[in-house]
Amino acid sequence: MEPKETVEYVDEGELTPRFVKTVVAITAAFLVVGGIVTYYVTFVLLGF
């Protein structure tokens, strides 16, 4: 009984961090892409 409960608890514990990591990764990707686009657009505007 205890091992099964522990395994289920661990699975639930693993799902949350994975979800959080996914959200953080997506957010970071948007920030990086947004920063590159902003830098590129600014550079092009300054170039002109």
C-alpha atoms as a PDB file:
ATOM      1  CA  MET A   1       0.000   0.000   0.000  1.00  0.00           C
ATOM      2  CA  GLU A   2       2.678   2.493   1.024  1.00  0.00           C
ATOM      3  CA  PRO A   3       4.936   2.005  -2.048  1.00  0.00           C
ATOM      4  CA  LYS A   4       1.985   2.449  -4.412  1.00  0.00           C
ATOM      5  CA  GLU A   5       0.857   5.597  -2.633  1.00  0.00           C
ATOM      6  CA  THR A   6       4.425   6.908  -2.704  1.00  0.00           C
ATOM      7  CA  VAL A   7       4.716   6.191  -6.437  1.00  0.00           C
ATOM      8  CA  GLU A   8       1.428   7.964  -7.149  1.00  0.00           C
ATOM      9  CA  TYR A   9       2.526  10.895  -5.000  1.00  0.00           C
ATOM     10  CA  VAL A  10       5.875  11.058  -6.800  1.00  0.00           C
ATOM     11  CA  ASP A  11       4.135  10.947 -10.198  1.00  0.00           C
ATOM     12  CA  GLU A  12       1.913  13.855  -9.226  1.00  0.00           C
ATOM     13  CA  GLY A  13       4.980  15.689  -7.896  1.00  0.00           C
ATOM     14  CA  GLU A  14       6.796  15.128 -11.200  1.00  0.00           C
ATOM     15  CA  LEU A  15       3.903  16.347 -13.350  1.00  0.00           C
ATOM     16  CA  THR A  16       3.731  19.759 -11.676  1.00  0.00           C
ATOM     17  CA  PRO A  17       7.438  20.619 -12.105  1.00  0.00           C
ATOM     18  CA  ARG A  18       7.320  19.392 -15.704  1.00  0.00           C
ATOM     19  CA  PHE A  19       4.322  21.639 -16.390  1.00  0.00           C
ATOM     20  CA  VAL A  20       6.024  24.579 -14.676  1.00  0.00           C
ATOM     21  CA  LYS A  21       9.274  23.931 -16.561  1.00  0.00           C
ATOM     22  CA  THR A  22       7.323  23.795 -19.839  1.00  0.00           C
ATOM     23  CA  VAL A  23       5.588  27.107 -19.110  1.00  0.00           C
ATOM     24  CA  VAL A  24       8.895  28.700 -18.057  1.00  0.00           C
ATOM     25  CA  ALA A  25      10.622  27.355 -21.173  1.00  0.00           C
ATOM     26  CA  ILE A  26       7.864  28.716 -23.441  1.00  0.00           C
ATOM     27  CA  THR A  27       7.920  32.074 -21.640  1.00  0.00           C
ATOM     28  CA  ALA A  28      11.715  32.220 -21.891  1.00  0.00           C
ATOM     29  CA  ALA A  29      11.516  31.350 -25.595  1.00  0.00           C
ATOM     30  CA  PHE A  30       9.020  34.181 -26.184  1.00  0.00           C
ATOM     31  CA  LEU A  31      11.264  36.604 -24.255  1.00  0.00           C
ATOM     32  CA  VAL A  32      14.360  35.536 -26.213  1.00  0.00           C
ATOM     33  CA  VAL A  33      12.592  35.677 -29.591  1.00  0.00           C
ATOM     34  CA  GLY A  34      10.958  38.990 -28.653  1.00  0.00           C
ATOM     35  CA  GLY A  35      14.325  40.386 -27.572  1.00  0.00           C
ATOM     36  CA  ILE A  36      16.002  39.279 -30.824  1.00  0.00           C
ATOM     37  CA  VAL A  37      13.176  40.713 -32.948  1.00  0.00           C
ATOM     38  CA  THR A  38      13.226  43.989 -30.986  1.00  0.00           C
ATOM     39  CA  TYR A  39      17.023  44.217 -31.291  1.00  0.00           C
ATOM     40  CA  TYR A  40      16.896  43.386 -35.010  1.00  0.00           C
ATOM     41  CA  VAL A  41      14.108  45.901 -35.722  1.00  0.00           C
ATOM     42  CA  THR A  42      15.911  48.578 -33.701  1.00  0.00           C
ATOM     43  CA  PHE A  43      19.180  47.819 -35.530  1.00  0.00           C
ATOM     44  CA  VAL A  44      17.423  48.032 -38.919  1.00  0.00           C
ATOM     45  CA  LEU A  45      15.731  51.308 -37.946  1.00  0.00           C
ATOM     46  CA  LEU A  46      19.080  52.717 -36.757  1.00  0.00           C
ATOM     47  CA  GLY A  47      20.648  51.400 -39.960  1.00  0.00           C
ATOM     48  CA  PHE A  48      18.252  53.503 -41.999  1.00  0.00           C
END
